[in-house]
Amino acid sequence: MTDSRRDLPPRTADAPVGEVLYDVVSSPIGRLLIACDGEAITGVYMEHHRDGLPVDPGWRPVDPAVCPVVGDARAQLAAYFAGERTAFDLPLAMRGTPFNLRVWAELRGIPYGETASYADVARRLGRPGAARAVGAANARNPIPIIVPCHRVVGADGSLTGFGGGIERKRWLLAHEARVGGSPLFPTQLPGGAA
């Protein structure tokens, strides 16, 4: 299954934000909050052990049956976690700097079950010295899992920072290796069991 990139035009970080609708779903890595603007997914947030899910007071819960984009995201995430989906086909509306938007587009090109280093992504962008900037953009990715920032690792293959925590990153990579039959992590991931 390929990524169809049904994105809305990119939005700069200073673009106005409209109404935010959300739904909360259960997953093997904890509860996830899916945010959307009614037309496209604008965020996926992971629950943090102390902080819970980040719900802004102005956001409105929505029934996925009433909002098709949330229903589609819910179904596709469930299929991903069940090992039945290796790519997402969802409209995305990402807000960020022009460089962040380029990095996030590049992340979507990292195949399921594979990884790339920050330096690899920087080279693909034509900015070989920008590995740190790629790391900073990766950390600001508002739609993890769907835009697979978990597939970016250190130059030596080490599992580096991830907004959802290293254990979730390890789980996602092991899940993709298991489902995709990837030789990337055949028995064990660095720093822990598969």
N, C-alpha and C. Protein backbone atom coordinates (compact mmCIF):
# COMPACT_ATOMS: atom_id res chain seq x y z
N MET A 1 0.86 -1.17 0.00
CA MET A 1 0.00 0.00 0.00
C MET A 1 0.90 1.23 0.00
N THR A 2 0.62 2.17 -0.84
CA THR A 2 1.46 3.36 -0.92
C THR A 2 0.79 4.55 -0.26
N ASP A 3 1.61 5.52 0.04
CA ASP A 3 1.16 6.75 0.67
C ASP A 3 0.66 7.67 -0.44
N SER A 4 -0.61 7.99 -0.46
CA SER A 4 -1.16 8.78 -1.56
C SER A 4 -0.96 10.28 -1.40
N ARG A 5 -0.54 10.72 -0.22
CA ARG A 5 -0.25 12.13 0.03
C ARG A 5 -1.42 13.05 -0.34
N ARG A 6 -2.58 12.77 0.18
CA ARG A 6 -3.76 13.60 -0.08
C ARG A 6 -3.77 14.80 0.84
N ASP A 7 -2.68 15.50 0.89
CA ASP A 7 -2.57 16.62 1.82
C ASP A 7 -3.27 17.86 1.29
N LEU A 8 -3.70 18.67 2.23
CA LEU A 8 -4.14 20.01 1.90
C LEU A 8 -2.87 20.84 1.71
N PRO A 9 -2.96 22.00 1.11
CA PRO A 9 -1.75 22.80 0.96
C PRO A 9 -1.08 23.03 2.31
N PRO A 10 0.27 22.96 2.36
CA PRO A 10 0.96 23.18 3.64
C PRO A 10 0.59 24.53 4.23
N ARG A 11 0.62 24.59 5.54
CA ARG A 11 0.29 25.82 6.26
C ARG A 11 1.53 26.25 7.04
N THR A 12 1.85 27.50 6.95
CA THR A 12 2.98 27.98 7.73
C THR A 12 2.58 28.04 9.20
N ALA A 13 3.58 28.12 10.06
CA ALA A 13 3.33 28.10 11.50
C ALA A 13 2.44 29.24 11.95
N ASP A 14 2.42 30.35 11.21
CA ASP A 14 1.61 31.49 11.64
C ASP A 14 0.22 31.51 11.01
N ALA A 15 -0.15 30.46 10.26
CA ALA A 15 -1.48 30.39 9.66
C ALA A 15 -2.52 30.25 10.77
N PRO A 16 -3.69 30.88 10.61
CA PRO A 16 -4.71 30.78 11.66
C PRO A 16 -5.21 29.34 11.80
N VAL A 17 -5.54 28.97 13.00
CA VAL A 17 -6.07 27.65 13.28
C VAL A 17 -7.57 27.77 13.43
N GLY A 18 -8.31 26.93 12.71
CA GLY A 18 -9.76 26.92 12.82
C GLY A 18 -10.19 26.03 13.97
N GLU A 19 -11.42 25.60 13.92
CA GLU A 19 -11.95 24.73 14.96
C GLU A 19 -11.19 23.41 14.96
N VAL A 20 -10.88 22.90 16.13
CA VAL A 20 -10.20 21.62 16.26
C VAL A 20 -11.18 20.61 16.86
N LEU A 21 -11.36 19.53 16.13
CA LEU A 21 -12.20 18.43 16.57
C LEU A 21 -11.27 17.29 16.97
N TYR A 22 -11.67 16.45 17.91
CA TYR A 22 -10.78 15.36 18.30
C TYR A 22 -11.55 14.12 18.73
N ASP A 23 -10.82 13.02 18.71
CA ASP A 23 -11.30 11.74 19.19
C ASP A 23 -10.13 11.05 19.88
N VAL A 24 -10.42 10.21 20.84
CA VAL A 24 -9.38 9.47 21.55
C VAL A 24 -9.57 7.99 21.25
N VAL A 25 -8.46 7.33 20.89
CA VAL A 25 -8.50 5.91 20.56
C VAL A 25 -7.49 5.16 21.43
N SER A 26 -7.78 3.90 21.67
CA SER A 26 -6.84 3.03 22.38
C SER A 26 -5.90 2.42 21.36
N SER A 27 -4.66 2.14 21.81
CA SER A 27 -3.69 1.50 20.94
C SER A 27 -2.73 0.70 21.81
N PRO A 28 -1.92 -0.16 21.21
CA PRO A 28 -0.94 -0.91 21.99
C PRO A 28 0.12 -0.03 22.66
N ILE A 29 0.26 1.22 22.24
CA ILE A 29 1.23 2.11 22.86
C ILE A 29 0.55 3.17 23.74
N GLY A 30 -0.68 2.92 24.10
CA GLY A 30 -1.43 3.85 24.95
C GLY A 30 -2.48 4.59 24.15
N ARG A 31 -3.24 5.41 24.86
CA ARG A 31 -4.29 6.18 24.19
C ARG A 31 -3.68 7.24 23.28
N LEU A 32 -4.33 7.46 22.14
CA LEU A 32 -3.91 8.47 21.17
C LEU A 32 -5.06 9.44 20.95
N LEU A 33 -4.75 10.70 20.87
CA LEU A 33 -5.73 11.72 20.55
C LEU A 33 -5.52 12.09 19.08
N ILE A 34 -6.57 11.97 18.27
CA ILE A 34 -6.53 12.34 16.86
C ILE A 34 -7.23 13.69 16.74
N ALA A 35 -6.52 14.69 16.23
CA ALA A 35 -7.11 16.02 16.06
C ALA A 35 -7.30 16.29 14.57
N CYS A 36 -8.35 17.02 14.24
CA CYS A 36 -8.59 17.37 12.84
C CYS A 36 -9.31 18.71 12.77
N ASP A 37 -9.33 19.26 11.57
CA ASP A 37 -10.04 20.52 11.36
C ASP A 37 -11.35 20.31 10.61
N GLY A 38 -11.79 19.06 10.53
CA GLY A 38 -13.01 18.72 9.81
C GLY A 38 -12.72 18.24 8.39
N GLU A 39 -11.57 18.63 7.83
CA GLU A 39 -11.19 18.23 6.48
C GLU A 39 -9.96 17.35 6.47
N ALA A 40 -9.06 17.53 7.43
CA ALA A 40 -7.78 16.83 7.42
C ALA A 40 -7.29 16.63 8.85
N ILE A 41 -6.41 15.65 9.01
CA ILE A 41 -5.80 15.39 10.31
C ILE A 41 -4.77 16.49 10.58
N THR A 42 -4.81 17.06 11.78
CA THR A 42 -3.87 18.11 12.15
C THR A 42 -2.92 17.67 13.25
N GLY A 43 -3.23 16.56 13.93
CA GLY A 43 -2.34 16.10 14.99
C GLY A 43 -2.70 14.72 15.48
N VAL A 44 -1.67 14.02 15.97
CA VAL A 44 -1.84 12.77 16.70
C VAL A 44 -0.99 12.93 17.95
N TYR A 45 -1.61 12.81 19.10
CA TYR A 45 -0.92 13.05 20.36
C TYR A 45 -0.94 11.79 21.20
N MET A 46 0.20 11.47 21.79
CA MET A 46 0.33 10.29 22.65
C MET A 46 0.16 10.70 24.10
N GLU A 47 -0.44 9.81 24.85
CA GLU A 47 -0.64 10.05 26.27
C GLU A 47 0.70 9.92 26.99
N HIS A 48 0.96 10.87 27.85
CA HIS A 48 2.17 10.81 28.67
C HIS A 48 1.75 10.40 30.07
N HIS A 49 2.57 9.61 30.70
CA HIS A 49 2.19 9.01 31.97
C HIS A 49 1.70 10.02 33.00
N ARG A 50 2.28 11.20 33.06
CA ARG A 50 1.89 12.18 34.05
C ARG A 50 0.91 13.22 33.49
N ASP A 51 1.11 13.59 32.26
CA ASP A 51 0.36 14.70 31.68
C ASP A 51 -0.98 14.31 31.08
N GLY A 52 -1.20 13.06 30.78
CA GLY A 52 -2.41 12.65 30.10
C GLY A 52 -2.38 13.11 28.65
N LEU A 53 -3.53 13.23 28.05
CA LEU A 53 -3.62 13.67 26.66
C LEU A 53 -3.81 15.19 26.62
N PRO A 54 -3.12 15.85 25.69
CA PRO A 54 -3.20 17.32 25.64
C PRO A 54 -4.47 17.81 24.94
N VAL A 55 -5.49 18.10 25.69
CA VAL A 55 -6.74 18.61 25.12
C VAL A 55 -6.85 20.09 25.47
N ASP A 56 -6.85 20.92 24.44
CA ASP A 56 -7.02 22.35 24.64
C ASP A 56 -8.49 22.61 24.98
N PRO A 57 -8.77 23.56 25.88
CA PRO A 57 -10.17 23.83 26.27
C PRO A 57 -11.07 24.22 25.09
N GLY A 58 -10.50 24.76 24.02
CA GLY A 58 -11.32 25.16 22.88
C GLY A 58 -11.61 24.03 21.91
N TRP A 59 -11.01 22.86 22.10
CA TRP A 59 -11.24 21.74 21.20
C TRP A 59 -12.57 21.07 21.52
N ARG A 60 -13.13 20.42 20.51
CA ARG A 60 -14.44 19.80 20.67
C ARG A 60 -14.37 18.31 20.32
N PRO A 61 -14.83 17.43 21.22
CA PRO A 61 -14.86 16.01 20.87
C PRO A 61 -15.84 15.77 19.73
N VAL A 62 -15.52 14.82 18.89
CA VAL A 62 -16.37 14.54 17.74
C VAL A 62 -16.56 13.04 17.60
N ASP A 63 -17.74 12.65 17.19
CA ASP A 63 -18.04 11.25 16.93
C ASP A 63 -17.43 10.89 15.58
N PRO A 64 -16.59 9.86 15.51
CA PRO A 64 -15.98 9.48 14.24
C PRO A 64 -17.00 9.12 13.16
N ALA A 65 -18.19 8.71 13.57
CA ALA A 65 -19.23 8.40 12.59
C ALA A 65 -19.74 9.67 11.92
N VAL A 66 -19.62 10.81 12.59
CA VAL A 66 -20.10 12.08 12.06
C VAL A 66 -19.00 12.80 11.27
N CYS A 67 -17.76 12.59 11.65
CA CYS A 67 -16.62 13.25 10.99
C CYS A 67 -15.80 12.19 10.26
N PRO A 68 -15.99 12.03 8.94
CA PRO A 68 -15.34 10.95 8.21
C PRO A 68 -13.82 10.92 8.32
N VAL A 69 -13.17 12.09 8.38
CA VAL A 69 -11.71 12.09 8.44
C VAL A 69 -11.22 11.48 9.75
N VAL A 70 -11.92 11.72 10.84
CA VAL A 70 -11.55 11.11 12.12
C VAL A 70 -11.85 9.62 12.09
N GLY A 71 -12.99 9.26 11.53
CA GLY A 71 -13.32 7.83 11.40
C GLY A 71 -12.30 7.09 10.56
N ASP A 72 -11.87 7.70 9.45
CA ASP A 72 -10.85 7.07 8.61
C ASP A 72 -9.53 6.93 9.35
N ALA A 73 -9.13 7.97 10.09
CA ALA A 73 -7.87 7.91 10.85
C ALA A 73 -7.96 6.83 11.91
N ARG A 74 -9.07 6.76 12.59
CA ARG A 74 -9.26 5.74 13.63
C ARG A 74 -9.12 4.34 13.01
N ALA A 75 -9.78 4.11 11.89
CA ALA A 75 -9.75 2.79 11.24
C ALA A 75 -8.35 2.46 10.72
N GLN A 76 -7.68 3.45 10.12
CA GLN A 76 -6.35 3.19 9.57
C GLN A 76 -5.31 2.96 10.67
N LEU A 77 -5.40 3.69 11.76
CA LEU A 77 -4.49 3.44 12.88
C LEU A 77 -4.74 2.05 13.47
N ALA A 78 -6.00 1.65 13.60
CA ALA A 78 -6.30 0.31 14.11
C ALA A 78 -5.72 -0.76 13.18
N ALA A 79 -5.84 -0.56 11.87
CA ALA A 79 -5.29 -1.52 10.91
C ALA A 79 -3.76 -1.54 10.97
N TYR A 80 -3.14 -0.38 11.16
CA TYR A 80 -1.68 -0.31 11.30
C TYR A 80 -1.25 -1.14 12.52
N PHE A 81 -1.88 -0.91 13.66
CA PHE A 81 -1.50 -1.62 14.87
C PHE A 81 -1.83 -3.12 14.79
N ALA A 82 -2.80 -3.49 13.97
CA ALA A 82 -3.14 -4.91 13.77
C ALA A 82 -2.20 -5.58 12.77
N GLY A 83 -1.31 -4.80 12.16
CA GLY A 83 -0.40 -5.36 11.17
C GLY A 83 -1.02 -5.53 9.79
N GLU A 84 -2.14 -4.85 9.55
CA GLU A 84 -2.86 -4.97 8.28
C GLU A 84 -2.64 -3.79 7.35
N ARG A 85 -1.92 -2.77 7.80
CA ARG A 85 -1.70 -1.56 7.00
C ARG A 85 -0.26 -1.12 7.21
N THR A 86 0.41 -0.79 6.07
CA THR A 86 1.80 -0.34 6.14
C THR A 86 1.97 1.11 5.69
N ALA A 87 0.91 1.72 5.24
CA ALA A 87 0.94 3.14 4.84
C ALA A 87 -0.44 3.74 5.12
N PHE A 88 -0.46 5.04 5.22
CA PHE A 88 -1.72 5.74 5.53
C PHE A 88 -2.19 6.52 4.32
N ASP A 89 -3.50 6.59 4.16
CA ASP A 89 -4.13 7.32 3.07
C ASP A 89 -5.13 8.29 3.70
N LEU A 90 -4.59 9.36 4.26
CA LEU A 90 -5.40 10.34 4.98
C LEU A 90 -5.03 11.74 4.53
N PRO A 91 -5.98 12.65 4.45
CA PRO A 91 -5.61 14.05 4.19
C PRO A 91 -4.97 14.63 5.45
N LEU A 92 -3.85 15.29 5.28
CA LEU A 92 -3.13 15.89 6.40
C LEU A 92 -3.04 17.39 6.20
N ALA A 93 -3.12 18.12 7.28
CA ALA A 93 -2.93 19.57 7.26
C ALA A 93 -1.88 19.88 8.32
N MET A 94 -0.65 19.98 7.87
CA MET A 94 0.46 20.21 8.79
C MET A 94 0.84 21.67 8.78
N ARG A 95 1.11 22.21 9.96
CA ARG A 95 1.52 23.60 10.11
C ARG A 95 2.95 23.63 10.60
N GLY A 96 3.79 24.39 9.92
CA GLY A 96 5.18 24.49 10.34
C GLY A 96 5.96 25.42 9.45
N THR A 97 7.23 25.56 9.76
CA THR A 97 8.10 26.38 8.90
C THR A 97 8.28 25.67 7.57
N PRO A 98 8.71 26.40 6.54
CA PRO A 98 8.96 25.72 5.25
C PRO A 98 9.95 24.56 5.39
N PHE A 99 10.99 24.72 6.22
CA PHE A 99 11.95 23.63 6.40
C PHE A 99 11.30 22.45 7.10
N ASN A 100 10.52 22.70 8.16
CA ASN A 100 9.82 21.61 8.85
C ASN A 100 8.94 20.85 7.88
N LEU A 101 8.19 21.56 7.06
CA LEU A 101 7.30 20.91 6.10
C LEU A 101 8.08 20.03 5.14
N ARG A 102 9.26 20.47 4.71
CA ARG A 102 10.10 19.66 3.81
C ARG A 102 10.59 18.40 4.53
N VAL A 103 11.00 18.55 5.78
CA VAL A 103 11.46 17.39 6.55
C VAL A 103 10.31 16.40 6.71
N TRP A 104 9.14 16.88 7.10
CA TRP A 104 8.01 15.98 7.33
C TRP A 104 7.61 15.27 6.05
N ALA A 105 7.69 15.94 4.92
CA ALA A 105 7.40 15.28 3.64
C ALA A 105 8.42 14.18 3.38
N GLU A 106 9.67 14.44 3.71
CA GLU A 106 10.73 13.45 3.51
C GLU A 106 10.53 12.24 4.42
N LEU A 107 10.06 12.46 5.64
CA LEU A 107 9.82 11.35 6.56
C LEU A 107 8.83 10.36 5.95
N ARG A 108 7.87 10.87 5.24
CA ARG A 108 6.84 10.00 4.66
C ARG A 108 7.39 9.12 3.55
N GLY A 109 8.61 9.44 3.10
CA GLY A 109 9.26 8.61 2.08
C GLY A 109 10.09 7.48 2.66
N ILE A 110 10.25 7.42 3.98
CA ILE A 110 11.01 6.33 4.60
C ILE A 110 10.09 5.10 4.61
N PRO A 111 10.49 4.04 3.93
CA PRO A 111 9.59 2.87 3.82
C PRO A 111 9.29 2.21 5.16
N TYR A 112 8.14 1.61 5.22
CA TYR A 112 7.69 0.84 6.38
C TYR A 112 8.75 -0.22 6.70
N GLY A 113 9.09 -0.35 7.97
CA GLY A 113 10.04 -1.36 8.39
C GLY A 113 11.49 -0.99 8.18
N GLU A 114 11.75 0.23 7.71
CA GLU A 114 13.12 0.68 7.50
C GLU A 114 13.36 1.94 8.33
N THR A 115 14.63 2.30 8.45
CA THR A 115 14.97 3.52 9.17
C THR A 115 15.93 4.35 8.33
N ALA A 116 16.08 5.58 8.71
CA ALA A 116 17.05 6.51 8.11
C ALA A 116 17.63 7.32 9.25
N SER A 117 18.85 7.78 9.08
CA SER A 117 19.46 8.64 10.10
C SER A 117 19.06 10.08 9.83
N TYR A 118 19.29 10.93 10.82
CA TYR A 118 19.04 12.36 10.64
C TYR A 118 19.90 12.89 9.50
N ALA A 119 21.15 12.40 9.41
CA ALA A 119 22.05 12.83 8.33
C ALA A 119 21.53 12.36 6.98
N ASP A 120 20.95 11.15 6.91
CA ASP A 120 20.37 10.65 5.65
C ASP A 120 19.27 11.59 5.18
N VAL A 121 18.39 11.97 6.11
CA VAL A 121 17.28 12.86 5.75
C VAL A 121 17.83 14.21 5.29
N ALA A 122 18.82 14.73 5.98
CA ALA A 122 19.42 16.02 5.60
C ALA A 122 20.00 15.93 4.19
N ARG A 123 20.71 14.85 3.89
CA ARG A 123 21.27 14.69 2.54
C ARG A 123 20.17 14.63 1.49
N ARG A 124 19.11 13.91 1.78
CA ARG A 124 17.99 13.81 0.81
C ARG A 124 17.35 15.17 0.55
N LEU A 125 17.45 16.05 1.53
CA LEU A 125 16.90 17.40 1.36
C LEU A 125 17.90 18.34 0.67
N GLY A 126 19.10 17.84 0.35
CA GLY A 126 20.12 18.69 -0.25
C GLY A 126 20.80 19.59 0.76
N ARG A 127 20.70 19.25 2.04
CA ARG A 127 21.30 20.03 3.13
C ARG A 127 22.14 19.11 4.01
N PRO A 128 23.26 18.59 3.49
CA PRO A 128 24.02 17.57 4.21
C PRO A 128 24.51 17.98 5.59
N GLY A 129 24.65 19.24 5.87
CA GLY A 129 25.09 19.68 7.19
C GLY A 129 23.97 19.98 8.16
N ALA A 130 22.75 19.64 7.80
CA ALA A 130 21.59 20.05 8.60
C ALA A 130 20.99 18.93 9.44
N ALA A 131 21.79 17.96 9.84
CA ALA A 131 21.25 16.84 10.62
C ALA A 131 20.59 17.31 11.92
N ARG A 132 21.19 18.28 12.60
CA ARG A 132 20.60 18.79 13.84
C ARG A 132 19.26 19.49 13.57
N ALA A 133 19.21 20.26 12.50
CA ALA A 133 17.96 20.93 12.13
C ALA A 133 16.89 19.91 11.77
N VAL A 134 17.29 18.83 11.12
CA VAL A 134 16.34 17.74 10.82
C VAL A 134 15.83 17.15 12.12
N GLY A 135 16.72 16.96 13.10
CA GLY A 135 16.31 16.44 14.40
C GLY A 135 15.30 17.35 15.08
N ALA A 136 15.54 18.65 14.99
CA ALA A 136 14.62 19.61 15.62
C ALA A 136 13.25 19.57 14.92
N ALA A 137 13.25 19.49 13.59
CA ALA A 137 11.98 19.40 12.85
C ALA A 137 11.27 18.09 13.16
N ASN A 138 12.04 17.02 13.25
CA ASN A 138 11.48 15.72 13.58
C ASN A 138 10.77 15.78 14.93
N ALA A 139 11.39 16.46 15.89
CA ALA A 139 10.80 16.59 17.22
C ALA A 139 9.50 17.40 17.21
N ARG A 140 9.32 18.24 16.22
CA ARG A 140 8.10 19.07 16.13
C ARG A 140 7.00 18.45 15.27
N ASN A 141 7.22 17.25 14.77
CA ASN A 141 6.22 16.58 13.93
C ASN A 141 4.91 16.46 14.69
N PRO A 142 3.82 17.09 14.19
CA PRO A 142 2.55 17.05 14.92
C PRO A 142 1.73 15.79 14.66
N ILE A 143 2.17 14.96 13.70
CA ILE A 143 1.36 13.79 13.34
C ILE A 143 2.23 12.53 13.34
N PRO A 144 2.79 12.16 14.52
CA PRO A 144 3.61 10.97 14.56
C PRO A 144 2.82 9.72 14.18
N ILE A 145 3.52 8.69 13.88
CA ILE A 145 3.04 7.39 13.40
C ILE A 145 2.61 7.54 11.94
N ILE A 146 1.65 8.41 11.66
CA ILE A 146 1.20 8.62 10.29
C ILE A 146 2.31 9.27 9.47
N VAL A 147 2.97 10.25 10.02
CA VAL A 147 4.20 10.83 9.46
C VAL A 147 5.30 10.22 10.32
N PRO A 148 5.98 9.17 9.82
CA PRO A 148 6.76 8.27 10.66
C PRO A 148 8.10 8.78 11.17
N CYS A 149 8.07 9.73 12.08
CA CYS A 149 9.29 10.24 12.68
C CYS A 149 9.99 9.18 13.52
N HIS A 150 9.27 8.14 13.92
CA HIS A 150 9.89 7.05 14.70
C HIS A 150 10.90 6.28 13.86
N ARG A 151 10.87 6.42 12.55
CA ARG A 151 11.81 5.71 11.68
C ARG A 151 13.15 6.42 11.54
N VAL A 152 13.33 7.54 12.22
CA VAL A 152 14.59 8.26 12.16
C VAL A 152 15.40 7.91 13.40
N VAL A 153 16.64 7.46 13.16
CA VAL A 153 17.51 6.99 14.23
C VAL A 153 18.85 7.71 14.15
N GLY A 154 19.68 7.49 15.16
CA GLY A 154 21.01 8.07 15.17
C GLY A 154 21.87 7.47 14.06
N ALA A 155 22.97 8.12 13.73
CA ALA A 155 23.86 7.67 12.66
C ALA A 155 24.38 6.26 12.91
N ASP A 156 24.50 5.87 14.19
CA ASP A 156 25.00 4.54 14.53
C ASP A 156 23.85 3.53 14.72
N GLY A 157 22.63 3.93 14.37
CA GLY A 157 21.47 3.06 14.51
C GLY A 157 20.82 3.13 15.88
N SER A 158 21.35 3.97 16.76
CA SER A 158 20.78 4.06 18.11
C SER A 158 19.42 4.76 18.08
N LEU A 159 18.60 4.38 19.04
CA LEU A 159 17.28 5.00 19.16
C LEU A 159 17.44 6.30 19.92
N THR A 160 17.25 7.39 19.21
CA THR A 160 17.38 8.71 19.80
C THR A 160 16.00 9.24 20.12
N GLY A 161 15.91 10.46 20.59
CA GLY A 161 14.67 11.06 21.06
C GLY A 161 13.43 10.77 20.23
N PHE A 162 12.32 10.71 20.94
CA PHE A 162 11.01 10.52 20.32
C PHE A 162 10.01 11.13 21.27
N GLY A 163 9.11 11.96 20.74
CA GLY A 163 8.14 12.67 21.57
C GLY A 163 7.31 11.74 22.44
N GLY A 164 7.06 10.54 21.98
CA GLY A 164 6.28 9.59 22.75
C GLY A 164 7.11 8.74 23.69
N GLY A 165 8.43 8.96 23.68
CA GLY A 165 9.33 8.19 24.53
C GLY A 165 10.01 7.07 23.76
N ILE A 166 11.21 6.74 24.20
CA ILE A 166 12.01 5.73 23.51
C ILE A 166 11.32 4.36 23.50
N GLU A 167 10.63 4.00 24.58
CA GLU A 167 9.96 2.69 24.60
C GLU A 167 8.90 2.59 23.51
N ARG A 168 8.16 3.68 23.27
CA ARG A 168 7.17 3.64 22.20
C ARG A 168 7.86 3.56 20.84
N LYS A 169 8.96 4.29 20.67
CA LYS A 169 9.72 4.23 19.41
C LYS A 169 10.20 2.80 19.18
N ARG A 170 10.75 2.19 20.22
CA ARG A 170 11.24 0.81 20.12
C ARG A 170 10.09 -0.11 19.73
N TRP A 171 8.92 0.08 20.36
CA TRP A 171 7.77 -0.77 20.06
C TRP A 171 7.35 -0.61 18.60
N LEU A 172 7.26 0.63 18.12
CA LEU A 172 6.83 0.88 16.74
C LEU A 172 7.79 0.26 15.74
N LEU A 173 9.09 0.41 15.96
CA LEU A 173 10.08 -0.18 15.05
C LEU A 173 10.03 -1.70 15.09
N ALA A 174 9.90 -2.27 16.27
CA ALA A 174 9.81 -3.73 16.39
C ALA A 174 8.54 -4.24 15.72
N HIS A 175 7.44 -3.53 15.90
CA HIS A 175 6.16 -3.90 15.26
C HIS A 175 6.31 -3.91 13.75
N GLU A 176 6.90 -2.86 13.19
CA GLU A 176 7.07 -2.79 11.74
C GLU A 176 8.02 -3.87 11.24
N ALA A 177 9.07 -4.16 12.00
CA ALA A 177 10.02 -5.21 11.60
C ALA A 177 9.32 -6.57 11.62
N ARG A 178 8.50 -6.81 12.64
CA ARG A 178 7.77 -8.07 12.75
C ARG A 178 6.78 -8.23 11.60
N VAL A 179 5.97 -7.21 11.38
CA VAL A 179 4.93 -7.28 10.35
C VAL A 179 5.53 -7.33 8.96
N GLY A 180 6.55 -6.50 8.73
CA GLY A 180 7.15 -6.42 7.40
C GLY A 180 8.23 -7.45 7.14
N GLY A 181 8.57 -8.25 8.15
CA GLY A 181 9.61 -9.24 7.97
C GLY A 181 10.97 -8.61 7.71
N SER A 182 11.16 -7.41 8.22
CA SER A 182 12.40 -6.68 7.99
C SER A 182 13.56 -7.30 8.74
N PRO A 183 14.72 -7.40 8.07
CA PRO A 183 15.90 -7.89 8.77
C PRO A 183 16.53 -6.81 9.64
N LEU A 184 15.92 -5.61 9.66
CA LEU A 184 16.49 -4.49 10.38
C LEU A 184 16.77 -4.82 11.84
N PHE A 185 15.80 -5.39 12.51
CA PHE A 185 15.95 -5.77 13.90
C PHE A 185 15.47 -7.21 14.04
N PRO A 186 16.28 -8.18 13.57
CA PRO A 186 15.81 -9.55 13.52
C PRO A 186 15.48 -10.17 14.88
N THR A 187 16.25 -9.86 15.91
CA THR A 187 15.98 -10.47 17.20
C THR A 187 15.81 -9.48 18.32
N GLN A 188 16.58 -8.41 18.27
CA GLN A 188 16.53 -7.47 19.38
C GLN A 188 16.86 -6.07 18.91
N LEU A 189 16.20 -5.10 19.46
CA LEU A 189 16.48 -3.70 19.18
C LEU A 189 17.56 -3.22 20.14
N PRO A 190 18.31 -2.21 19.73
CA PRO A 190 19.31 -1.67 20.65
C PRO A 190 18.65 -1.23 21.96
N GLY A 191 19.25 -1.64 23.07
CA GLY A 191 18.77 -1.18 24.37
C GLY A 191 17.58 -1.90 24.92
N GLY A 192 17.14 -2.99 24.30
CA GLY A 192 16.00 -3.69 24.86
C GLY A 192 15.51 -4.82 23.97
N ALA A 193 14.55 -5.53 24.45
CA ALA A 193 14.01 -6.67 23.71
C ALA A 193 13.10 -6.21 22.59
N ALA A 194 12.96 -7.05 21.61
CA ALA A 194 12.09 -6.75 20.47
C ALA A 194 10.65 -6.85 20.87
